[in-house]
Amino acid sequence: MRGDDYLAKANLSQVHLLKIDVEGGEPKVLAGFSGALVARKIHAIQFEYGLAAIWTKFLLRDFYELLEPLGFSLGKIYPNHVTFGPYSPRAEDFAGPNYLAVQRNEEGLIAALKA
């Protein structure tokens, strides 16, 4: 079931955190939530980026190109913080593993995660 269809069926108006762990299926999951993403109903997305990106050909750059225009800031997750920032080709190391995309208007959340 597409994510947008599930949200409608479950009568959910927003998603605070969308956790994606689908071993390379991230592009399909994000496409399934395209309506919610455009409507900015999803506040944060956690996704994995690693070796599966080689086989799917959906690189970290593609996450940035998809999500930044939709109002998200992206960053790599570390044990005690998230490093938000612009895309850098140096980050295409396939070492991952976890990234977070947060709506830029969630300034308090972003500030707390940087600490």
PDB file of N, CA and C in Angstrom:
ATOM      1  N   MET A   1       0.838  -1.167   0.000  1.00  0.00           N
ATOM      2  CA  MET A   1       0.000   0.000   0.000  1.00  0.00           C
ATOM      3  C   MET A   1       0.893   1.244   0.000  1.00  0.00           C
ATOM      4  N   ARG A   2       0.565   2.195  -0.838  1.00  0.00           N
ATOM      5  CA  ARG A   2       1.308   3.453  -0.881  1.00  0.00           C
ATOM      6  C   ARG A   2       1.127   4.202   0.438  1.00  0.00           C
ATOM      7  N   GLY A   3       2.151   4.905   0.822  1.00  0.00           N
ATOM      8  CA  GLY A   3       2.100   5.658   2.070  1.00  0.00           C
ATOM      9  C   GLY A   3       0.977   6.669   2.098  1.00  0.00           C
ATOM     10  N   ASP A   4       0.777   7.387   0.996  1.00  0.00           N
ATOM     11  CA  ASP A   4      -0.306   8.368   0.944  1.00  0.00           C
ATOM     12  C   ASP A   4      -1.663   7.702   1.142  1.00  0.00           C
ATOM     13  N   ASP A   5      -1.835   6.529   0.552  1.00  0.00           N
ATOM     14  CA  ASP A   5      -3.104   5.801   0.700  1.00  0.00           C
ATOM     15  C   ASP A   5      -3.303   5.354   2.148  1.00  0.00           C
ATOM     16  N   TYR A   6      -2.219   4.908   2.786  1.00  0.00           N
ATOM     17  CA  TYR A   6      -2.332   4.497   4.189  1.00  0.00           C
ATOM     18  C   TYR A   6      -2.719   5.678   5.078  1.00  0.00           C
ATOM     19  N   LEU A   7      -2.090   6.822   4.853  1.00  0.00           N
ATOM     20  CA  LEU A   7      -2.410   8.003   5.659  1.00  0.00           C
ATOM     21  C   LEU A   7      -3.889   8.371   5.517  1.00  0.00           C
ATOM     22  N   ALA A   8      -4.394   8.291   4.294  1.00  0.00           N
ATOM     23  CA  ALA A   8      -5.810   8.607   4.071  1.00  0.00           C
ATOM     24  C   ALA A   8      -6.714   7.579   4.742  1.00  0.00           C
ATOM     25  N   LYS A   9      -6.390   6.301   4.581  1.00  0.00           N
ATOM     26  CA  LYS A   9      -7.202   5.233   5.165  1.00  0.00           C
ATOM     27  C   LYS A   9      -7.214   5.308   6.689  1.00  0.00           C
ATOM     28  N   ALA A  10      -6.069   5.626   7.277  1.00  0.00           N
ATOM     29  CA  ALA A  10      -5.950   5.710   8.737  1.00  0.00           C
ATOM     30  C   ALA A  10      -6.368   7.079   9.267  1.00  0.00           C
ATOM     31  N   ASN A  11      -6.750   7.971   8.368  1.00  0.00           N
ATOM     32  CA  ASN A  11      -7.187   9.315   8.745  1.00  0.00           C
ATOM     33  C   ASN A  11      -6.107  10.062   9.532  1.00  0.00           C
ATOM     34  N   LEU A  12      -4.868   9.958   9.050  1.00  0.00           N
ATOM     35  CA  LEU A  12      -3.748  10.646   9.689  1.00  0.00           C
ATOM     36  C   LEU A  12      -3.440  11.919   8.918  1.00  0.00           C
ATOM     37  N   SER A  13      -3.409  13.028   9.608  1.00  0.00           N
ATOM     38  CA  SER A  13      -3.168  14.308   8.950  1.00  0.00           C
ATOM     39  C   SER A  13      -1.695  14.686   8.894  1.00  0.00           C
ATOM     40  N   GLN A  14      -0.873  14.042   9.725  1.00  0.00           N
ATOM     41  CA  GLN A  14       0.550  14.337   9.726  1.00  0.00           C
ATOM     42  C   GLN A  14       1.341  13.161  10.270  1.00  0.00           C
ATOM     43  N   VAL A  15       2.626  13.164   9.966  1.00  0.00           N
ATOM     44  CA  VAL A  15       3.555  12.147  10.458  1.00  0.00           C
ATOM     45  C   VAL A  15       4.704  12.899  11.113  1.00  0.00           C
ATOM     46  N   HIS A  16       4.928  12.631  12.385  1.00  0.00           N
ATOM     47  CA  HIS A  16       6.021  13.316  13.083  1.00  0.00           C
ATOM     48  C   HIS A  16       7.371  12.724  12.692  1.00  0.00           C
ATOM     49  N   LEU A  17       7.453  11.392  12.610  1.00  0.00           N
ATOM     50  CA  LEU A  17       8.705  10.729  12.226  1.00  0.00           C
ATOM     51  C   LEU A  17       8.385   9.546  11.335  1.00  0.00           C
ATOM     52  N   LEU A  18       8.926   9.570  10.131  1.00  0.00           N
ATOM     53  CA  LEU A  18       8.829   8.449   9.211  1.00  0.00           C
ATOM     54  C   LEU A  18      10.168   7.734   9.224  1.00  0.00           C
ATOM     55  N   LYS A  19      10.203   6.520   9.742  1.00  0.00           N
ATOM     56  CA  LYS A  19      11.435   5.725   9.816  1.00  0.00           C
ATOM     57  C   LYS A  19      11.419   4.757   8.654  1.00  0.00           C
ATOM     58  N   ILE A  20      12.412   4.875   7.784  1.00  0.00           N
ATOM     59  CA  ILE A  20      12.503   4.010   6.609  1.00  0.00           C
ATOM     60  C   ILE A  20      13.696   3.083   6.772  1.00  0.00           C
ATOM     61  N   ASP A  21      13.450   1.785   6.738  1.00  0.00           N
ATOM     62  CA  ASP A  21      14.509   0.772   6.816  1.00  0.00           C
ATOM     63  C   ASP A  21      14.122  -0.339   5.852  1.00  0.00           C
ATOM     64  N   VAL A  22      14.422  -0.130   4.572  1.00  0.00           N
ATOM     65  CA  VAL A  22      13.942  -1.033   3.533  1.00  0.00           C
ATOM     66  C   VAL A  22      15.052  -1.518   2.604  1.00  0.00           C
ATOM     67  N   GLU A  23      16.282  -1.408   3.055  1.00  0.00           N
ATOM     68  CA  GLU A  23      17.433  -1.974   2.338  1.00  0.00           C
ATOM     69  C   GLU A  23      17.441  -1.650   0.846  1.00  0.00           C
ATOM     70  N   GLY A  24      17.403  -0.373   0.530  1.00  0.00           N
ATOM     71  CA  GLY A  24      17.498   0.057  -0.856  1.00  0.00           C
ATOM     72  C   GLY A  24      16.174   0.439  -1.486  1.00  0.00           C
ATOM     73  N   GLY A  25      15.071   0.205  -0.798  1.00  0.00           N
ATOM     74  CA  GLY A  25      13.772   0.549  -1.337  1.00  0.00           C
ATOM     75  C   GLY A  25      13.330   1.956  -1.004  1.00  0.00           C
ATOM     76  N   GLU A  26      14.217   2.776  -0.486  1.00  0.00           N
ATOM     77  CA  GLU A  26      13.871   4.137  -0.066  1.00  0.00           C
ATOM     78  C   GLU A  26      13.219   4.963  -1.170  1.00  0.00           C
ATOM     79  N   PRO A  27      13.714   4.915  -2.417  1.00  0.00           N
ATOM     80  CA  PRO A  27      13.063   5.724  -3.459  1.00  0.00           C
ATOM     81  C   PRO A  27      11.584   5.360  -3.644  1.00  0.00           C
ATOM     82  N   LYS A  28      11.263   4.082  -3.566  1.00  0.00           N
ATOM     83  CA  LYS A  28       9.870   3.658  -3.724  1.00  0.00           C
ATOM     84  C   LYS A  28       9.014   4.108  -2.542  1.00  0.00           C
ATOM     85  N   VAL A  29       9.559   4.012  -1.339  1.00  0.00           N
ATOM     86  CA  VAL A  29       8.810   4.452  -0.155  1.00  0.00           C
ATOM     87  C   VAL A  29       8.550   5.954  -0.243  1.00  0.00           C
ATOM     88  N   LEU A  30       9.568   6.721  -0.575  1.00  0.00           N
ATOM     89  CA  LEU A  30       9.402   8.167  -0.674  1.00  0.00           C
ATOM     90  C   LEU A  30       8.415   8.539  -1.784  1.00  0.00           C
ATOM     91  N   ALA A  31       8.458   7.817  -2.891  1.00  0.00           N
ATOM     92  CA  ALA A  31       7.494   8.058  -3.972  1.00  0.00           C
ATOM     93  C   ALA A  31       6.075   7.772  -3.495  1.00  0.00           C
ATOM     94  N   GLY A  32       5.916   6.764  -2.659  1.00  0.00           N
ATOM     95  CA  GLY A  32       4.603   6.431  -2.129  1.00  0.00           C
ATOM     96  C   GLY A  32       4.047   7.476  -1.184  1.00  0.00           C
ATOM     97  N   PHE A  33       4.926   8.281  -0.616  1.00  0.00           N
ATOM     98  CA  PHE A  33       4.513   9.377   0.268  1.00  0.00           C
ATOM     99  C   PHE A  33       4.613  10.731  -0.438  1.00  0.00           C
ATOM    100  N   SER A  34       4.633  10.744  -1.752  1.00  0.00           N
ATOM    101  CA  SER A  34       4.864  11.998  -2.487  1.00  0.00           C
ATOM    102  C   SER A  34       3.834  13.072  -2.154  1.00  0.00           C
ATOM    103  N   GLY A  35       2.584  12.703  -2.027  1.00  0.00           N
ATOM    104  CA  GLY A  35       1.556  13.689  -1.684  1.00  0.00           C
ATOM    105  C   GLY A  35       1.779  14.297  -0.319  1.00  0.00           C
ATOM    106  N   ALA A  36       2.092  13.450   0.659  1.00  0.00           N
ATOM    107  CA  ALA A  36       2.344  13.927   2.025  1.00  0.00           C
ATOM    108  C   ALA A  36       3.606  14.781   2.071  1.00  0.00           C
ATOM    109  N   LEU A  37       4.598  14.416   1.274  1.00  0.00           N
ATOM    110  CA  LEU A  37       5.833  15.207   1.252  1.00  0.00           C
ATOM    111  C   LEU A  37       5.595  16.592   0.664  1.00  0.00           C
ATOM    112  N   VAL A  38       4.891  16.653  -0.448  1.00  0.00           N
ATOM    113  CA  VAL A  38       4.608  17.936  -1.085  1.00  0.00           C
ATOM    114  C   VAL A  38       3.743  18.813  -0.174  1.00  0.00           C
ATOM    115  N   ALA A  39       2.791  18.178   0.527  1.00  0.00           N
ATOM    116  CA  ALA A  39       1.901  18.919   1.438  1.00  0.00           C
ATOM    117  C   ALA A  39       2.570  19.223   2.774  1.00  0.00           C
ATOM    118  N   ARG A  40       3.806  18.780   2.935  1.00  0.00           N
ATOM    119  CA  ARG A  40       4.581  19.001   4.167  1.00  0.00           C
ATOM    120  C   ARG A  40       3.888  18.437   5.400  1.00  0.00           C
ATOM    121  N   LYS A  41       3.324  17.259   5.219  1.00  0.00           N
ATOM    122  CA  LYS A  41       2.661  16.566   6.327  1.00  0.00           C
ATOM    123  C   LYS A  41       3.636  15.695   7.109  1.00  0.00           C
ATOM    124  N   ILE A  42       4.842  15.517   6.596  1.00  0.00           N
ATOM    125  CA  ILE A  42       5.860  14.699   7.260  1.00  0.00           C
ATOM    126  C   ILE A  42       6.908  15.643   7.827  1.00  0.00           C
ATOM    127  N   HIS A  43       7.134  15.568   9.128  1.00  0.00           N
ATOM    128  CA  HIS A  43       8.035  16.502   9.800  1.00  0.00           C
ATOM    129  C   HIS A  43       9.499  16.043   9.787  1.00  0.00           C
ATOM    130  N   ALA A  44       9.716  14.734   9.901  1.00  0.00           N
ATOM    131  CA  ALA A  44      11.083  14.211   9.931  1.00  0.00           C
ATOM    132  C   ALA A  44      11.107  12.816   9.314  1.00  0.00           C
ATOM    133  N   ILE A  45      12.226  12.500   8.666  1.00  0.00           N
ATOM    134  CA  ILE A  45      12.403  11.200   8.022  1.00  0.00           C
ATOM    135  C   ILE A  45      13.777  10.670   8.407  1.00  0.00           C
ATOM    136  N   GLN A  46      13.804   9.472   8.963  1.00  0.00           N
ATOM    137  CA  GLN A  46      15.076   8.798   9.211  1.00  0.00           C
ATOM    138  C   GLN A  46      15.232   7.738   8.139  1.00  0.00           C
ATOM    139  N   PHE A  47      16.385   7.711   7.494  1.00  0.00           N
ATOM    140  CA  PHE A  47      16.632   6.721   6.447  1.00  0.00           C
ATOM    141  C   PHE A  47      18.074   6.237   6.524  1.00  0.00           C
ATOM    142  N   GLU A  48      18.295   5.079   5.944  1.00  0.00           N
ATOM    143  CA  GLU A  48      19.636   4.515   5.895  1.00  0.00           C
ATOM    144  C   GLU A  48      20.262   4.820   4.542  1.00  0.00           C
ATOM    145  N   TYR A  49      21.558   5.045   4.574  1.00  0.00           N
ATOM    146  CA  TYR A  49      22.318   5.246   3.346  1.00  0.00           C
ATOM    147  C   TYR A  49      23.575   4.413   3.478  1.00  0.00           C
ATOM    148  N   GLY A  50      23.749   3.467   2.594  1.00  0.00           N
ATOM    149  CA  GLY A  50      24.910   2.598   2.669  1.00  0.00           C
ATOM    150  C   GLY A  50      25.149   1.897   1.350  1.00  0.00           C
ATOM    151  N   LEU A  51      25.664   0.690   1.423  1.00  0.00           N
ATOM    152  CA  LEU A  51      26.044  -0.053   0.228  1.00  0.00           C
ATOM    153  C   LEU A  51      24.882  -0.325  -0.719  1.00  0.00           C
ATOM    154  N   ALA A  52      23.670  -0.443  -0.215  1.00  0.00           N
ATOM    155  CA  ALA A  52      22.518  -0.691  -1.084  1.00  0.00           C
ATOM    156  C   ALA A  52      22.361   0.416  -2.120  1.00  0.00           C
ATOM    157  N   ALA A  53      22.854   1.611  -1.821  1.00  0.00           N
ATOM    158  CA  ALA A  53      22.760   2.730  -2.769  1.00  0.00           C
ATOM    159  C   ALA A  53      23.520   2.436  -4.060  1.00  0.00           C
ATOM    160  N   ILE A  54      24.538   1.612  -3.979  1.00  0.00           N
ATOM    161  CA  ILE A  54      25.302   1.255  -5.179  1.00  0.00           C
ATOM    162  C   ILE A  54      24.408   0.486  -6.140  1.00  0.00           C
ATOM    163  N   TRP A  55      23.669  -0.468  -5.623  1.00  0.00           N
ATOM    164  CA  TRP A  55      22.827  -1.315  -6.483  1.00  0.00           C
ATOM    165  C   TRP A  55      21.565  -0.597  -6.940  1.00  0.00           C
ATOM    166  N   THR A  56      21.018   0.252  -6.100  1.00  0.00           N
ATOM    167  CA  THR A  56      19.787   0.959  -6.473  1.00  0.00           C
ATOM    168  C   THR A  56      20.069   2.205  -7.305  1.00  0.00           C
ATOM    169  N   LYS A  57      21.317   2.670  -7.275  1.00  0.00           N
ATOM    170  CA  LYS A  57      21.719   3.885  -7.974  1.00  0.00           C
ATOM    171  C   LYS A  57      20.965   5.121  -7.465  1.00  0.00           C
ATOM    172  N   PHE A  58      20.519   5.058  -6.225  1.00  0.00           N
ATOM    173  CA  PHE A  58      19.887   6.208  -5.563  1.00  0.00           C
ATOM    174  C   PHE A  58      20.876   6.669  -4.506  1.00  0.00           C
ATOM    175  N   LEU A  59      21.631   7.684  -4.858  1.00  0.00           N
ATOM    176  CA  LEU A  59      22.731   8.136  -4.025  1.00  0.00           C
ATOM    177  C   LEU A  59      22.287   9.146  -2.981  1.00  0.00           C
ATOM    178  N   LEU A  60      23.184   9.480  -2.090  1.00  0.00           N
ATOM    179  CA  LEU A  60      22.905  10.484  -1.078  1.00  0.00           C
ATOM    180  C   LEU A  60      22.506  11.797  -1.752  1.00  0.00           C
ATOM    181  N   ARG A  61      23.167  12.119  -2.842  1.00  0.00           N
ATOM    182  CA  ARG A  61      22.822  13.313  -3.612  1.00  0.00           C
ATOM    183  C   ARG A  61      21.342  13.310  -3.994  1.00  0.00           C
ATOM    184  N   ASP A  62      20.812  12.143  -4.345  1.00  0.00           N
ATOM    185  CA  ASP A  62      19.410  12.037  -4.745  1.00  0.00           C
ATOM    186  C   ASP A  62      18.469  12.326  -3.581  1.00  0.00           C
ATOM    187  N   PHE A  63      18.828  11.898  -2.372  1.00  0.00           N
ATOM    188  CA  PHE A  63      18.027  12.242  -1.194  1.00  0.00           C
ATOM    189  C   PHE A  63      17.984  13.758  -1.023  1.00  0.00           C
ATOM    190  N   TYR A  64      19.141  14.396  -1.131  1.00  0.00           N
ATOM    191  CA  TYR A  64      19.204  15.848  -0.992  1.00  0.00           C
ATOM    192  C   TYR A  64      18.392  16.543  -2.079  1.00  0.00           C
ATOM    193  N   GLU A  65      18.538  16.095  -3.324  1.00  0.00           N
ATOM    194  CA  GLU A  65      17.822  16.731  -4.437  1.00  0.00           C
ATOM    195  C   GLU A  65      16.314  16.545  -4.330  1.00  0.00           C
ATOM    196  N   LEU A  66      15.880  15.448  -3.736  1.00  0.00           N
ATOM    197  CA  LEU A  66      14.453  15.210  -3.553  1.00  0.00           C
ATOM    198  C   LEU A  66      13.894  15.991  -2.369  1.00  0.00           C
ATOM    199  N   LEU A  67      14.599  15.948  -1.242  1.00  0.00           N
ATOM    200  CA  LEU A  67      14.030  16.437   0.011  1.00  0.00           C
ATOM    201  C   LEU A  67      14.282  17.919   0.299  1.00  0.00           C
ATOM    202  N   GLU A  68      15.421  18.445  -0.100  1.00  0.00           N
ATOM    203  CA  GLU A  68      15.685  19.868   0.185  1.00  0.00           C
ATOM    204  C   GLU A  68      14.636  20.794  -0.446  1.00  0.00           C
ATOM    205  N   PRO A  69      14.238  20.595  -1.705  1.00  0.00           N
ATOM    206  CA  PRO A  69      13.209  21.480  -2.274  1.00  0.00           C
ATOM    207  C   PRO A  69      11.853  21.358  -1.566  1.00  0.00           C
ATOM    208  N   LEU A  70      11.654  20.280  -0.821  1.00  0.00           N
ATOM    209  CA  LEU A  70      10.418  20.076  -0.072  1.00  0.00           C
ATOM    210  C   LEU A  70      10.517  20.628   1.349  1.00  0.00           C
ATOM    211  N   GLY A  71      11.581  21.394   1.625  1.00  0.00           N
ATOM    212  CA  GLY A  71      11.705  22.077   2.904  1.00  0.00           C
ATOM    213  C   GLY A  71      12.495  21.351   3.968  1.00  0.00           C
ATOM    214  N   PHE A  72      13.206  20.302   3.604  1.00  0.00           N
ATOM    215  CA  PHE A  72      13.954  19.521   4.593  1.00  0.00           C
ATOM    216  C   PHE A  72      15.417  19.943   4.677  1.00  0.00           C
ATOM    217  N   SER A  73      15.975  19.882   5.882  1.00  0.00           N
ATOM    218  CA  SER A  73      17.414  19.923   6.121  1.00  0.00           C
ATOM    219  C   SER A  73      17.840  18.497   6.403  1.00  0.00           C
ATOM    220  N   LEU A  74      18.971  18.091   5.855  1.00  0.00           N
ATOM    221  CA  LEU A  74      19.442  16.723   6.007  1.00  0.00           C
ATOM    222  C   LEU A  74      20.752  16.690   6.766  1.00  0.00           C
ATOM    223  N   GLY A  75      20.951  15.608   7.520  1.00  0.00           N
ATOM    224  CA  GLY A  75      22.187  15.442   8.255  1.00  0.00           C
ATOM    225  C   GLY A  75      22.438  14.008   8.641  1.00  0.00           C
ATOM    226  N   LYS A  76      23.690  13.706   8.859  1.00  0.00           N
ATOM    227  CA  LYS A  76      24.095  12.370   9.286  1.00  0.00           C
ATOM    228  C   LYS A  76      23.903  12.245  10.789  1.00  0.00           C
ATOM    229  N   ILE A  77      23.394  11.095  11.204  1.00  0.00           N
ATOM    230  CA  ILE A  77      23.137  10.836  12.617  1.00  0.00           C
ATOM    231  C   ILE A  77      24.379  10.213  13.263  1.00  0.00           C
ATOM    232  N   TYR A  78      24.799  10.793  14.361  1.00  0.00           N
ATOM    233  CA  TYR A  78      25.875  10.256  15.198  1.00  0.00           C
ATOM    234  C   TYR A  78      25.284   9.932  16.564  1.00  0.00           C
ATOM    235  N   PRO A  79      26.014   9.247  17.433  1.00  0.00           N
ATOM    236  CA  PRO A  79      25.446   8.863  18.735  1.00  0.00           C
ATOM    237  C   PRO A  79      24.886  10.024  19.556  1.00  0.00           C
ATOM    238  N   ASN A  80      25.511  11.201  19.491  1.00  0.00           N
ATOM    239  CA  ASN A  80      25.095  12.312  20.352  1.00  0.00           C
ATOM    240  C   ASN A  80      24.606  13.541  19.605  1.00  0.00           C
ATOM    241  N   HIS A  81      24.566  13.480  18.280  1.00  0.00           N
ATOM    242  CA  HIS A  81      24.151  14.662  17.521  1.00  0.00           C
ATOM    243  C   HIS A  81      23.879  14.284  16.061  1.00  0.00           C
ATOM    244  N   VAL A  82      23.362  15.262  15.347  1.00  0.00           N
ATOM    245  CA  VAL A  82      23.164  15.146  13.899  1.00  0.00           C
ATOM    246  C   VAL A  82      23.922  16.294  13.258  1.00  0.00           C
ATOM    247  N   THR A  83      24.686  15.995  12.204  1.00  0.00           N
ATOM    248  CA  THR A  83      25.417  17.047  11.495  1.00  0.00           C
ATOM    249  C   THR A  83      24.619  17.449  10.256  1.00  0.00           C
ATOM    250  N   PHE A  84      23.817  18.496  10.405  1.00  0.00           N
ATOM    251  CA  PHE A  84      23.046  19.025   9.288  1.00  0.00           C
ATOM    252  C   PHE A  84      23.952  19.889   8.427  1.00  0.00           C
ATOM    253  N   GLY A  85      23.731  19.864   7.153  1.00  0.00           N
ATOM    254  CA  GLY A  85      24.503  20.717   6.264  1.00  0.00           C
ATOM    255  C   GLY A  85      24.178  20.427   4.826  1.00  0.00           C
ATOM    256  N   PRO A  86      24.764  21.197   3.932  1.00  0.00           N
ATOM    257  CA  PRO A  86      24.508  20.997   2.504  1.00  0.00           C
ATOM    258  C   PRO A  86      25.144  19.695   2.014  1.00  0.00           C
ATOM    259  N   TYR A  87      24.712  19.274   0.871  1.00  0.00           N
ATOM    260  CA  TYR A  87      25.282  18.062   0.270  1.00  0.00           C
ATOM    261  C   TYR A  87      26.746  18.277  -0.057  1.00  0.00           C
ATOM    262  N   SER A  88      27.538  17.238   0.147  1.00  0.00           N
ATOM    263  CA  SER A  88      28.935  17.236  -0.249  1.00  0.00           C
ATOM    264  C   SER A  88      29.238  15.903  -0.927  1.00  0.00           C
ATOM    265  N   PRO A  89      29.858  15.922  -2.090  1.00  0.00           N
ATOM    266  CA  PRO A  89      30.223  14.660  -2.742  1.00  0.00           C
ATOM    267  C   PRO A  89      31.107  13.773  -1.858  1.00  0.00           C
ATOM    268  N   ARG A  90      31.833  14.377  -0.939  1.00  0.00           N
ATOM    269  CA  ARG A  90      32.684  13.588  -0.030  1.00  0.00           C
ATOM    270  C   ARG A  90      31.857  12.678   0.877  1.00  0.00           C
ATOM    271  N   ALA A  91      30.583  12.998   1.057  1.00  0.00           N
ATOM    272  CA  ALA A  91      29.710  12.170   1.895  1.00  0.00           C
ATOM    273  C   ALA A  91      29.256  10.897   1.182  1.00  0.00           C
ATOM    274  N   GLU A  92      29.496  10.807  -0.128  1.00  0.00           N
ATOM    275  CA  GLU A  92      29.119   9.609  -0.892  1.00  0.00           C
ATOM    276  C   GLU A  92      30.121   8.492  -0.609  1.00  0.00           C
ATOM    277  N   ASP A  93      30.199   8.078   0.646  1.00  0.00           N
ATOM    278  CA  ASP A  93      31.166   7.060   1.045  1.00  0.00           C
ATOM    279  C   ASP A  93      30.529   5.684   1.253  1.00  0.00           C
ATOM    280  N   PHE A  94      29.216   5.604   1.147  1.00  0.00           N
ATOM    281  CA  PHE A  94      28.453   4.363   1.308  1.00  0.00           C
ATOM    282  C   PHE A  94      28.661   3.724   2.671  1.00  0.00           C
ATOM    283  N   ALA A  95      29.191   4.505   3.617  1.00  0.00           N
ATOM    284  CA  ALA A  95      29.451   3.990   4.956  1.00  0.00           C
ATOM    285  C   ALA A  95      28.246   4.177   5.862  1.00  0.00           C
ATOM    286  N   GLY A  96      27.376   5.124   5.469  1.00  0.00           N
ATOM    287  CA  GLY A  96      26.146   5.371   6.216  1.00  0.00           C
ATOM    288  C   GLY A  96      26.378   5.496   7.705  1.00  0.00           C
ATOM    289  N   PRO A  97      25.528   4.950   8.519  1.00  0.00           N
ATOM    290  CA  PRO A  97      24.355   4.265   8.018  1.00  0.00           C
ATOM    291  C   PRO A  97      23.091   5.111   8.080  1.00  0.00           C
ATOM    292  N   ASN A  98      22.937   5.988   9.049  1.00  0.00           N
ATOM    293  CA  ASN A  98      21.649   6.654   9.247  1.00  0.00           C
ATOM    294  C   ASN A  98      21.726   8.162   9.030  1.00  0.00           C
ATOM    295  N   TYR A  99      20.701   8.651   8.340  1.00  0.00           N
ATOM    296  CA  TYR A  99      20.548  10.080   8.083  1.00  0.00           C
ATOM    297  C   TYR A  99      19.179  10.523   8.554  1.00  0.00           C
ATOM    298  N   LEU A 100      19.068  11.819   8.781  1.00  0.00           N
ATOM    299  CA  LEU A 100      17.805  12.388   9.220  1.00  0.00           C
ATOM    300  C   LEU A 100      17.500  13.606   8.360  1.00  0.00           C
ATOM    301  N   ALA A 101      16.251  13.676   7.914  1.00  0.00           N
ATOM    302  CA  ALA A 101      15.752  14.855   7.205  1.00  0.00           C
ATOM    303  C   ALA A 101      14.664  15.459   8.081  1.00  0.00           C
ATOM    304  N   VAL A 102      14.792  16.744   8.386  1.00  0.00           N
ATOM    305  CA  VAL A 102      13.841  17.433   9.254  1.00  0.00           C
ATOM    306  C   VAL A 102      13.359  18.688   8.531  1.00  0.00           C
ATOM    307  N   GLN A 103      12.059  18.940   8.602  1.00  0.00           N
ATOM    308  CA  GLN A 103      11.530  20.170   8.016  1.00  0.00           C
ATOM    309  C   GLN A 103      12.260  21.376   8.620  1.00  0.00           C
ATOM    310  N   ARG A 104      12.719  22.275   7.756  1.00  0.00           N
ATOM    311  CA  ARG A 104      13.493  23.437   8.212  1.00  0.00           C
ATOM    312  C   ARG A 104      12.733  24.310   9.201  1.00  0.00           C
ATOM    313  N   ASN A 105      11.406  24.305   9.134  1.00  0.00           N
ATOM    314  CA  ASN A 105      10.650  25.129  10.081  1.00  0.00           C
ATOM    315  C   ASN A 105      10.608  24.526  11.479  1.00  0.00           C
ATOM    316  N   GLU A 106      11.140  23.336  11.647  1.00  0.00           N
ATOM    317  CA  GLU A 106      11.263  22.690  12.960  1.00  0.00           C
ATOM    318  C   GLU A 106      12.587  23.134  13.591  1.00  0.00           C
ATOM    319  N   GLU A 107      12.759  24.441  13.739  1.00  0.00           N
ATOM    320  CA  GLU A 107      14.030  25.011  14.193  1.00  0.00           C
ATOM    321  C   GLU A 107      14.458  24.518  15.570  1.00  0.00           C
ATOM    322  N   GLY A 108      13.525  24.381  16.495  1.00  0.00           N
ATOM    323  CA  GLY A 108      13.858  23.901  17.840  1.00  0.00           C
ATOM    324  C   GLY A 108      14.366  22.479  17.823  1.00  0.00           C
ATOM    325  N   LEU A 109      13.742  21.636  17.021  1.00  0.00           N
ATOM    326  CA  LEU A 109      14.175  20.242  16.916  1.00  0.00           C
ATOM    327  C   LEU A 109      15.568  20.165  16.291  1.00  0.00           C
ATOM    328  N   ILE A 110      15.784  20.916  15.238  1.00  0.00           N
ATOM    329  CA  ILE A 110      17.098  20.909  14.589  1.00  0.00           C
ATOM    330  C   ILE A 110      18.178  21.383  15.554  1.00  0.00           C
ATOM    331  N   ALA A 111      17.901  22.446  16.290  1.00  0.00           N
ATOM    332  CA  ALA A 111      18.878  22.968  17.260  1.00  0.00           C
ATOM    333  C   ALA A 111      19.174  21.932  18.338  1.00  0.00           C
ATOM    334  N   ALA A 112      18.153  21.254  18.832  1.00  0.00           N
ATOM    335  CA  ALA A 112      18.350  20.236  19.869  1.00  0.00           C
ATOM    336  C   ALA A 112      19.165  19.065  19.344  1.00  0.00           C
ATOM    337  N   LEU A 113      18.955  18.697  18.094  1.00  0.00           N
ATOM    338  CA  LEU A 113      19.680  17.558  17.513  1.00  0.00           C
ATOM    339  C   LEU A 113      21.135  17.880  17.212  1.00  0.00           C
ATOM    340  N   LYS A 114      21.425  19.141  16.973  1.00  0.00           N
ATOM    341  CA  LYS A 114      22.812  19.553  16.716  1.00  0.00           C
ATOM    342  C   LYS A 114      23.642  19.515  17.984  1.00  0.00           C
ATOM    343  N   ALA A 115      23.019  19.693  19.137  1.00  0.00           N
ATOM    344  CA  ALA A 115      23.740  19.799  20.410  1.00  0.00           C
ATOM    345  C   ALA A 115      24.468  18.525  20.766  1.00  0.00           C
TER     346      ALA A 115
END
